[in-house]
């Protein structure tokens, strides 16, 4: 027992000794840290001038880069019209080789009474060159704003691959023959050198291959490539490549405008594939009359939508789609629809858009109506072509019926001070009352 007692006492003494050793270690670490900090600040003080100059250089570079991104690459001004430009950055502006009325701070004026196009030099602090802005002098332009819903049908330029999947094979195993070979967004244009335009043609080629490898002609990001894939026989005895494909697309959108020559612009954003998110390479397409039969209200985190019935009979076709671009779809109509019996409206350039009250023109029940919105910001040089206008819906009727902006309203004209300034393009998923718009000048360039 005594031995046990002594052992216990020895153990207790040892355990009690550990904290003092730890405290000693802590003190040593703390002292070293203080010394290191002192040495760091001493070195920093010795090189304070270099540090200051480096900081100033970084700040200047950051500021100039911010200025550069805030100033547009080009401006369109109507002949004989004086346009106010608010860059929201402190720059002065001079015309190349000939002084123009200079302006500082956050606003200025550019007169388009000059002959032809010209270039403006933007300078920070009146002497640091920041950017050159190309100014294009154009004649006044008028279009007929629409706002009417349209049914859209288009064929893809080739057969779009939207993904791959496993094939339950005859031997009881699962195979994925196309995995890591093809990718979503690829277009199949040929099989064994033979052109294929529709998915039915592709299925026939696979069914008659006899299990031999197929050479697919693929268009990927605009580049032609060839891939060899061996089909797998499934449980029913049919050959499969294990790819999901699509060769057409249908949906509901809104027409933005029609010109006197019956050309039109719609959507304000491209027709994109819902699965891959990529812009569709379209071959041809048509637009049809459509009736809105239901509205799914937009809620926090869930975008709403307009539900329409599209009649694909030829007598209900109202036009053809010729181009699918980043700023919308473009084509021609057969005639001006009766619903669009209003007057032609002058367009406004982006520098003419002001923060404040505006309207969107849209039809939710067959009747075109103006709904009030508030423009919150105008980004002259947005990196995304169709997000130059930021706005929120203030109209109580539209908020009550849809919650704000819903899918299907893309392309709705935005009107301010009696002029067409843009079109609705996107909605905030987190807040259906907020949305983006594209400048009408961008749509009219196509």
Protein backbone atom coordinates (compact mmCIF):
# COMPACT_ATOMS: atom_id res chain seq x y z
CA UNK A 1 0.00 0.00 0.00
CA UNK A 2 2.84 2.37 0.92
CA UNK A 3 4.48 1.69 -2.43
CA UNK A 4 1.27 2.46 -4.18
CA UNK A 5 0.95 5.66 -2.21
CA UNK A 6 4.42 6.81 -3.18
CA UNK A 7 3.74 5.99 -6.81
CA UNK A 8 0.52 7.96 -6.73
CA UNK A 9 2.28 10.90 -5.14
CA UNK A 10 4.99 10.69 -7.76
CA UNK A 11 2.37 10.64 -10.51
CA UNK A 12 0.59 13.62 -8.96
CA UNK A 13 3.83 15.55 -8.75
CA UNK A 14 4.56 14.75 -12.40
CA UNK A 15 1.12 15.81 -13.50
CA UNK A 16 1.41 19.01 -11.51
CA UNK A 17 4.75 19.72 -13.18
CA UNK A 18 3.33 19.64 -16.70
CA UNK A 19 1.42 22.96 -16.50
CA UNK A 20 4.47 24.87 -15.32
CA UNK A 21 6.41 23.49 -18.30
CA UNK A 22 3.55 24.50 -20.59
CA UNK A 23 3.49 28.00 -19.11
CA UNK A 24 7.21 28.24 -19.68
CA UNK A 25 6.73 27.17 -23.30
CA UNK A 26 3.92 29.68 -23.75
CA UNK A 27 6.08 32.43 -22.38
CA UNK A 28 8.85 31.52 -24.78
CA UNK A 29 6.50 31.52 -27.77
CA UNK A 30 4.96 34.80 -26.72
CA UNK A 31 8.36 36.42 -26.37
CA UNK A 32 9.46 35.18 -29.78
CA UNK A 33 6.24 36.47 -31.36
CA UNK A 34 6.82 39.91 -29.87
CA UNK A 35 10.38 39.96 -31.15
CA UNK A 36 9.27 38.91 -34.65
CA UNK A 37 6.58 41.60 -34.68
CA UNK A 38 9.14 44.21 -33.65
CA UNK A 39 11.52 43.11 -36.38
CA UNK A 40 8.67 43.17 -38.96
CA UNK A 41 7.64 46.72 -38.08
CA UNK A 42 11.28 47.80 -37.99
CA UNK A 43 11.78 46.50 -41.56
CA UNK A 44 8.47 48.03 -42.63
CA UNK A 45 9.61 51.42 -41.28
CA UNK A 46 12.94 51.14 -43.11
CA UNK A 47 11.15 50.55 -46.43
CA UNK A 48 8.17 52.83 -45.74
CA UNK A 49 8.80 54.94 -48.82
CA UNK A 50 8.90 51.93 -51.11
CA UNK A 51 5.77 50.48 -49.49
CA UNK A 52 3.97 53.81 -49.85
CA UNK A 53 4.92 54.13 -53.52
CA UNK A 54 3.88 50.53 -54.23
CA UNK A 55 0.53 51.14 -52.53
CA UNK A 56 -0.02 54.33 -54.49
CA UNK A 57 0.87 52.57 -57.76
CA UNK A 58 -1.58 49.76 -56.99
CA UNK A 59 -4.30 52.27 -56.06
CA UNK A 60 -3.69 54.23 -59.27
CA UNK A 61 -3.78 51.05 -61.38
CA UNK A 62 -6.99 49.92 -59.69
CA UNK A 63 -8.59 53.34 -60.15
CA UNK A 64 -7.69 53.57 -63.84
CA UNK A 65 -8.96 50.03 -64.42
CA UNK A 66 -12.24 50.96 -62.68
CA UNK A 67 -12.49 54.09 -64.82
CA UNK A 68 -11.82 52.07 -67.97
CA UNK A 69 -14.62 49.59 -67.19
CA UNK A 70 -17.04 52.42 -66.35
CA UNK A 71 -16.63 54.16 -69.72
CA UNK A 72 -18.36 52.70 -72.81
CA UNK A 73 -16.38 51.54 -75.84
CA UNK A 74 -18.74 53.35 -78.18
CA UNK A 75 -21.67 55.76 -78.18
CA UNK A 76 -24.44 56.41 -80.67
CA UNK A 77 -25.78 59.96 -80.82
CA UNK A 78 -28.61 61.24 -82.99
CA UNK A 79 -27.62 63.82 -85.58
CA UNK A 80 -28.15 67.38 -84.30
CA UNK A 81 -29.07 66.17 -80.80
CA UNK A 82 -27.20 67.17 -77.67
CA UNK A 83 -26.74 64.16 -75.39
CA UNK A 84 -25.90 64.27 -71.70
CA UNK A 85 -23.55 61.55 -70.61
CA UNK A 86 -23.15 60.49 -67.00
CA UNK A 87 -20.11 58.24 -66.68
CA UNK A 88 -20.29 58.36 -62.86
CA UNK A 89 -16.49 58.76 -62.84
CA UNK A 90 -14.31 61.92 -62.79
CA UNK A 91 -12.96 62.22 -66.33
CA UNK A 92 -12.54 64.99 -68.87
CA UNK A 93 -13.28 64.49 -72.54
CA UNK A 94 -11.73 65.93 -75.68
CA UNK A 95 -12.34 65.22 -79.33
CA UNK A 96 -9.31 63.85 -81.14
CA UNK A 97 -7.27 66.66 -82.74
CA UNK A 98 -10.00 69.19 -82.06
CA UNK A 99 -11.18 70.38 -78.66
CA UNK A 100 -14.77 69.64 -77.76
CA UNK A 101 -16.61 71.08 -74.77
CA UNK A 102 -14.75 69.37 -71.93
CA UNK A 103 -16.53 68.13 -68.86
CA UNK A 104 -15.46 66.96 -65.44
CA UNK A 105 -16.92 65.11 -62.48
CA UNK A 106 -19.90 62.88 -63.24
CA UNK A 107 -21.66 64.43 -66.22
CA UNK A 108 -21.12 66.06 -69.59
CA UNK A 109 -22.55 66.78 -73.01
CA UNK A 110 -21.70 65.51 -76.46
CA UNK A 111 -23.18 67.18 -79.51
CA UNK A 112 -23.84 65.11 -82.60
CA UNK A 113 -24.03 68.05 -84.96
CA UNK A 114 -20.55 67.17 -86.24
CA UNK A 115 -20.21 65.51 -89.61
CA UNK A 116 -19.49 61.80 -89.50
CA UNK A 117 -18.15 59.65 -86.67
CA UNK A 118 -15.42 60.78 -84.32
CA UNK A 119 -13.40 59.70 -81.30
CA UNK A 120 -13.42 61.09 -77.76
CA UNK A 121 -10.34 60.87 -75.55
CA UNK A 122 -11.20 60.37 -71.88
CA UNK A 123 -8.60 61.53 -69.35
CA UNK A 124 -8.33 61.14 -65.61
CA UNK A 125 -7.30 64.32 -63.75
CA UNK A 126 -7.24 66.00 -67.17
CA UNK A 127 -3.92 64.46 -68.21
CA UNK A 128 -3.86 60.65 -67.67
CA UNK A 129 -5.31 58.93 -70.79
CA UNK A 130 -7.88 56.31 -69.80
CA UNK A 131 -9.87 55.32 -72.88
CA UNK A 132 -10.94 56.26 -76.39
CA UNK A 133 -14.68 56.24 -77.07
CA UNK A 134 -15.94 55.83 -80.64
CA UNK A 135 -18.91 58.15 -81.28
CA UNK A 136 -21.23 57.19 -84.13
CA UNK A 137 -23.55 59.88 -85.46
CA UNK A 138 -26.85 58.35 -86.62
CA UNK A 139 -30.16 59.58 -87.98
CA UNK A 140 -33.29 59.49 -85.80
CA UNK A 141 -34.82 55.99 -85.81
CA UNK A 142 -38.43 54.94 -85.28
CA UNK A 143 -39.94 51.51 -84.66
CA UNK A 144 -43.32 50.12 -83.67
CA UNK A 145 -43.12 48.82 -80.08
CA UNK A 146 -44.87 45.50 -79.63
CA UNK A 147 -45.17 43.74 -76.27
CA UNK A 148 -47.33 40.96 -77.71
CA UNK A 149 -46.62 37.32 -76.79
CA UNK A 150 -45.36 35.01 -79.53
CA UNK A 151 -44.94 31.27 -79.86
CA UNK A 152 -41.41 30.34 -80.93
CA UNK A 153 -40.36 27.20 -82.80
CA UNK A 154 -36.88 26.66 -84.19
CA UNK A 155 -34.74 23.83 -85.53
CA UNK A 156 -31.13 23.41 -84.45
CA UNK A 157 -28.17 23.56 -86.84
CA UNK A 158 -27.35 19.89 -86.38
CA UNK A 159 -28.49 17.56 -83.60
CA UNK A 160 -27.76 19.00 -80.16
CA UNK A 161 -26.24 16.69 -77.54
CA UNK A 162 -27.56 17.54 -74.09
CA UNK A 163 -25.88 14.77 -72.11
CA UNK A 164 -24.85 11.12 -71.86
CA UNK A 165 -26.35 8.15 -70.02
CA UNK A 166 -25.84 4.48 -69.26
CA UNK A 167 -27.20 1.71 -71.50
CA UNK A 168 -28.50 -1.48 -69.73
CA UNK A 169 -26.83 -4.03 -72.03
CA UNK A 170 -27.81 -7.53 -73.14
CA UNK A 171 -25.13 -9.03 -70.88
CA UNK A 172 -26.72 -7.48 -67.79
CA UNK A 173 -24.03 -4.82 -67.40
CA UNK A 174 -24.45 -1.04 -67.71
CA UNK A 175 -22.26 0.75 -70.27
CA UNK A 176 -21.81 4.44 -71.13
CA UNK A 177 -20.14 4.35 -74.58
CA UNK A 178 -20.20 8.13 -75.18
CA UNK A 179 -18.88 9.17 -71.77
CA UNK A 180 -15.85 11.52 -71.89
CA UNK A 181 -16.09 11.60 -75.69
CA UNK A 182 -19.00 13.91 -76.38
CA UNK A 183 -20.18 16.77 -74.17
CA UNK A 184 -23.30 18.83 -73.69
CA UNK A 185 -23.49 21.56 -76.31
CA UNK A 186 -21.93 19.47 -79.11
CA UNK A 187 -23.82 19.25 -82.40
CA UNK A 188 -23.87 16.04 -84.46
CA UNK A 189 -23.78 16.98 -88.14
CA UNK A 190 -22.61 13.72 -89.80
CA UNK A 191 -22.53 9.96 -89.23
CA UNK A 192 -19.88 8.03 -91.18
CA UNK A 193 -19.57 11.01 -93.51
CA UNK A 194 -23.31 11.22 -94.21
CA UNK A 195 -25.10 14.46 -93.23
CA UNK A 196 -27.83 14.11 -90.62
CA UNK A 197 -30.30 16.89 -89.87
CA UNK A 198 -32.86 15.32 -87.55
CA UNK A 199 -32.69 12.94 -84.60
CA UNK A 200 -34.76 10.35 -86.49
CA UNK A 201 -31.98 10.13 -89.10
CA UNK A 202 -29.43 9.62 -86.33
CA UNK A 203 -31.52 6.83 -84.80
CA UNK A 204 -31.73 5.06 -88.17
CA UNK A 205 -27.93 5.19 -88.57
CA UNK A 206 -27.42 3.69 -85.11
CA UNK A 207 -30.08 0.99 -85.61
CA UNK A 208 -28.50 -0.21 -88.86
CA UNK A 209 -24.85 -0.13 -87.73
CA UNK A 210 -24.70 -3.84 -86.82
CA UNK A 211 -22.62 -3.03 -83.73
CA UNK A 212 -19.77 -1.50 -85.75
CA UNK A 213 -18.15 1.74 -84.57
CA UNK A 214 -19.71 4.96 -85.84
CA UNK A 215 -17.71 8.04 -86.78
CA UNK A 216 -19.64 11.11 -85.67
CA UNK A 217 -18.98 14.47 -87.27
CA UNK A 218 -19.25 16.93 -84.36
CA UNK A 219 -19.35 20.70 -84.26
CA UNK A 220 -17.91 21.88 -80.92
CA UNK A 221 -17.61 25.61 -80.22
CA UNK A 222 -17.73 26.24 -83.95
CA UNK A 223 -14.92 23.74 -84.70
CA UNK A 224 -15.51 20.49 -86.66
CA UNK A 225 -14.11 17.32 -85.04
CA UNK A 226 -14.61 13.57 -85.51
CA UNK A 227 -15.27 11.00 -82.79
CA UNK A 228 -15.49 7.20 -83.04
CA UNK A 229 -18.05 5.55 -80.75
CA UNK A 230 -19.04 1.87 -80.60
CA UNK A 231 -22.78 1.35 -79.94
CA UNK A 232 -23.98 -1.05 -77.23
CA UNK A 233 -26.81 -3.58 -77.71
CA UNK A 234 -29.44 -3.05 -75.03
CA UNK A 235 -31.73 -5.63 -73.38
CA UNK A 236 -34.26 -5.36 -76.20
CA UNK A 237 -31.62 -6.06 -78.83
CA UNK A 238 -31.39 -2.47 -80.12
CA UNK A 239 -28.13 -0.56 -80.53
CA UNK A 240 -27.67 2.61 -78.45
CA UNK A 241 -24.96 5.27 -78.12
CA UNK A 242 -26.06 6.42 -74.68
CA UNK A 243 -26.57 10.08 -75.60
CA UNK A 244 -29.51 12.42 -75.09
CA UNK A 245 -30.21 14.66 -78.08
CA UNK A 246 -32.53 17.44 -79.23
CA UNK A 247 -33.12 18.92 -82.69
CA UNK A 248 -35.74 21.58 -82.03
CA UNK A 249 -37.07 23.96 -79.38
CA UNK A 250 -40.44 25.59 -78.65
CA UNK A 251 -41.49 28.22 -76.13
CA UNK A 252 -43.22 31.51 -75.43
CA UNK A 253 -41.59 34.96 -75.51
CA UNK A 254 -42.43 38.58 -76.27
CA UNK A 255 -41.89 40.58 -79.44
CA UNK A 256 -40.05 43.87 -78.83
CA UNK A 257 -40.53 45.87 -82.04
CA UNK A 258 -41.37 45.81 -85.74
CA UNK A 259 -39.78 48.10 -88.35
CA UNK A 260 -41.47 49.59 -91.39
CA UNK A 261 -39.83 46.94 -93.58
CA UNK A 262 -41.56 44.29 -91.38
CA UNK A 263 -38.32 43.13 -89.76
CA UNK A 264 -38.66 42.37 -86.04
CA UNK A 265 -36.64 41.88 -82.86
CA UNK A 266 -37.74 39.83 -79.85
CA UNK A 267 -36.65 38.33 -76.50
CA UNK A 268 -33.60 40.53 -75.85
CA UNK A 269 -31.59 37.40 -75.05
CA UNK A 270 -30.73 34.27 -77.05
CA UNK A 271 -32.74 31.09 -77.36
CA UNK A 272 -30.73 28.78 -75.11
CA UNK A 273 -30.98 25.12 -74.25
CA UNK A 274 -32.42 24.59 -70.78
CA UNK A 275 -30.17 21.59 -70.04
CA UNK A 276 -26.79 22.78 -71.32
CA UNK A 277 -27.35 26.54 -70.87
CA UNK A 278 -25.69 27.15 -74.24
CA UNK A 279 -27.05 29.38 -76.99
CA UNK A 280 -28.72 27.26 -79.66
CA UNK A 281 -27.17 27.15 -83.11
CA UNK A 282 -30.38 27.50 -85.11
CA UNK A 283 -31.01 26.57 -88.73
CA UNK A 284 -34.46 28.08 -89.21
CA UNK A 285 -37.51 28.91 -87.18
CA UNK A 286 -40.95 30.44 -87.12
CA UNK A 287 -43.06 32.56 -84.80
CA UNK A 288 -46.75 31.88 -84.20
CA UNK A 289 -49.77 33.48 -82.64
CA UNK A 290 -50.15 32.38 -79.04
CA UNK A 291 -52.69 32.80 -76.27
CA UNK A 292 -51.61 33.15 -72.64
CA UNK A 293 -53.75 30.71 -70.65
CA UNK A 294 -52.06 30.83 -67.26
CA UNK A 295 -49.58 32.69 -65.05
CA UNK A 296 -47.29 31.05 -62.50
CA UNK A 297 -46.46 33.80 -60.03
CA UNK A 298 -42.79 34.40 -59.28
CA UNK A 299 -41.70 33.83 -55.69
CA UNK A 300 -38.46 34.00 -53.72
CA UNK A 301 -36.09 31.50 -55.34
CA UNK A 302 -38.68 30.29 -57.87
CA UNK A 303 -39.07 32.15 -61.18
CA UNK A 304 -42.63 32.43 -62.47
CA UNK A 305 -43.73 31.92 -66.06
CA UNK A 306 -46.41 32.63 -68.63
CA UNK A 307 -48.14 29.52 -69.97
CA UNK A 308 -49.25 29.83 -73.57
CA UNK A 309 -50.97 27.68 -76.19
CA UNK A 310 -49.18 27.71 -79.55
CA UNK A 311 -51.09 26.74 -82.68
CA UNK A 312 -48.58 25.36 -85.17
CA UNK A 313 -50.92 25.42 -88.15
CA UNK A 314 -49.53 27.38 -91.08
CA UNK A 315 -52.34 29.95 -91.01
CA UNK A 316 -51.25 30.98 -87.49
CA UNK A 317 -47.60 31.50 -88.49
CA UNK A 318 -46.86 35.24 -88.34
CA UNK A 319 -43.19 35.32 -89.33
CA UNK A 320 -39.80 33.67 -89.76
CA UNK A 321 -36.74 33.66 -87.49
CA UNK A 322 -33.51 34.40 -89.35
CA UNK A 323 -30.99 34.92 -86.53
CA UNK A 324 -30.51 33.84 -82.91
CA UNK A 325 -28.02 36.17 -81.18
CA UNK A 326 -26.84 37.25 -77.72
CA UNK A 327 -29.31 40.15 -77.79
CA UNK A 328 -32.38 38.33 -79.10
CA UNK A 329 -33.97 36.71 -82.12
CA UNK A 330 -34.50 38.55 -85.39
CA UNK A 331 -36.47 37.94 -88.55
CA UNK A 332 -39.45 39.21 -90.51
CA UNK A 333 -43.23 39.15 -90.06
CA UNK A 334 -45.83 38.61 -92.75
CA UNK A 335 -47.78 41.69 -91.68
CA UNK A 336 -48.26 43.98 -88.70
CA UNK A 337 -50.65 42.29 -86.22
CA UNK A 338 -53.92 44.08 -85.43
CA UNK A 339 -52.97 44.27 -81.74
CA UNK A 340 -50.12 46.59 -82.69
CA UNK A 341 -52.17 49.50 -83.99
CA UNK A 342 -50.17 52.16 -82.13
CA UNK A 343 -47.84 54.79 -83.55
CA UNK A 344 -44.18 54.42 -84.40
CA UNK A 345 -41.92 55.52 -81.55
CA UNK A 346 -38.50 57.13 -81.57
CA UNK A 347 -35.70 55.13 -79.99
CA UNK A 348 -33.41 56.56 -77.30
CA UNK A 349 -29.69 55.86 -76.94
CA UNK A 350 -28.27 54.52 -73.68
CA UNK A 351 -26.94 57.92 -72.54
CA UNK A 352 -30.50 59.28 -72.78
CA UNK A 353 -31.82 56.78 -70.23
CA UNK A 354 -32.34 58.26 -66.76
CA UNK A 355 -32.80 56.71 -63.36
CA UNK A 356 -36.44 56.95 -62.37
CA UNK A 357 -39.89 56.18 -63.72
CA UNK A 358 -40.38 54.16 -66.90
CA UNK A 359 -42.83 51.59 -68.28
CA UNK A 360 -42.82 48.12 -69.77
CA UNK A 361 -45.33 47.17 -72.44
CA UNK A 362 -46.70 43.65 -72.13
CA UNK A 363 -49.79 41.51 -72.66
CA UNK A 364 -50.83 39.04 -69.99
CA UNK A 365 -54.48 38.57 -71.00
CA UNK A 366 -54.62 39.54 -74.68
CA UNK A 367 -54.60 43.28 -73.99
CA UNK A 368 -51.45 45.37 -74.24
CA UNK A 369 -50.85 47.45 -71.12
CA UNK A 370 -48.18 49.75 -69.73
CA UNK A 371 -46.82 48.69 -66.35
CA UNK A 372 -44.81 51.14 -64.26
CA UNK A 373 -41.21 50.36 -63.29
CA UNK A 374 -38.33 52.27 -61.72
CA UNK A 375 -34.93 52.27 -63.46
CA UNK A 376 -32.30 51.90 -60.72
CA UNK A 377 -29.06 51.88 -62.70
CA UNK A 378 -27.70 52.21 -66.24
CA UNK A 379 -24.42 50.42 -67.02
CA UNK A 380 -22.99 51.91 -70.24
CA UNK A 381 -20.30 49.25 -70.49
CA UNK A 382 -21.92 46.11 -69.10
CA UNK A 383 -19.82 42.99 -69.67
CA UNK A 384 -23.06 41.15 -70.43
CA UNK A 385 -24.72 42.60 -73.52
CA UNK A 386 -28.27 42.19 -72.26
CA UNK A 387 -27.89 43.51 -68.70
CA UNK A 388 -27.30 47.22 -69.22
CA UNK A 389 -30.50 48.36 -67.49
CA UNK A 390 -31.34 47.47 -63.88
CA UNK A 391 -34.93 48.10 -62.75
CA UNK A 392 -37.63 47.05 -60.32
CA UNK A 393 -41.39 46.81 -60.81
CA UNK A 394 -43.54 49.36 -58.96
CA UNK A 395 -46.88 48.67 -60.68
CA UNK A 396 -49.29 47.21 -58.12
CA UNK A 397 -51.39 45.35 -60.74
CA UNK A 398 -48.35 43.59 -62.26
CA UNK A 399 -46.99 42.70 -58.81
CA UNK A 400 -50.37 41.27 -57.87
CA UNK A 401 -50.74 39.20 -61.05
CA UNK A 402 -47.18 37.94 -61.60
CA UNK A 403 -45.05 39.01 -58.64
CA UNK A 404 -43.00 41.11 -61.08
CA UNK A 405 -41.11 39.73 -64.08
CA UNK A 406 -41.76 36.12 -65.15
CA UNK A 407 -40.45 33.88 -67.92
CA UNK A 408 -42.21 34.67 -71.16
CA UNK A 409 -42.05 38.44 -70.60
CA UNK A 410 -38.53 38.60 -72.04
CA UNK A 411 -38.58 41.07 -74.89
CA UNK A 412 -41.21 43.38 -73.37
CA UNK A 413 -40.38 46.94 -74.53
CA UNK A 414 -39.08 49.43 -71.94
CA UNK A 415 -40.38 52.96 -72.56
CA UNK A 416 -39.24 56.18 -70.92
CA UNK A 417 -40.26 59.75 -71.73
CA UNK A 418 -42.16 58.64 -74.81
CA UNK A 419 -39.18 56.82 -76.35
CA UNK A 420 -38.22 53.15 -76.63
CA UNK A 421 -35.07 52.59 -74.56
CA UNK A 422 -34.73 48.82 -74.20
CA UNK A 423 -36.32 45.43 -73.58
CA UNK A 424 -36.77 43.18 -70.55
CA UNK A 425 -34.30 40.27 -70.54
CA UNK A 426 -33.78 38.67 -67.10
CA UNK A 427 -35.43 38.38 -63.72
CA UNK A 428 -33.75 38.06 -60.31
CA UNK A 429 -34.53 34.55 -59.06
CA UNK A 430 -34.27 35.81 -55.47
CA UNK A 431 -36.65 38.73 -56.14
CA UNK A 432 -39.14 38.58 -59.03
CA UNK A 433 -39.81 42.32 -58.75
CA UNK A 434 -36.28 43.08 -60.04
CA UNK A 435 -34.99 42.58 -63.54
CA UNK A 436 -32.49 43.49 -66.24
CA UNK A 437 -32.96 45.01 -69.67
CA UNK A 438 -30.95 45.34 -72.89
CA UNK A 439 -30.37 48.69 -74.61
CA UNK A 440 -32.58 49.00 -77.68
CA UNK A 441 -29.60 50.32 -79.67
CA UNK A 442 -27.91 46.92 -79.21
CA UNK A 443 -30.96 45.09 -80.56
CA UNK A 444 -31.24 47.41 -83.56
CA UNK A 445 -27.63 46.72 -84.59
CA UNK A 446 -28.68 43.25 -85.82
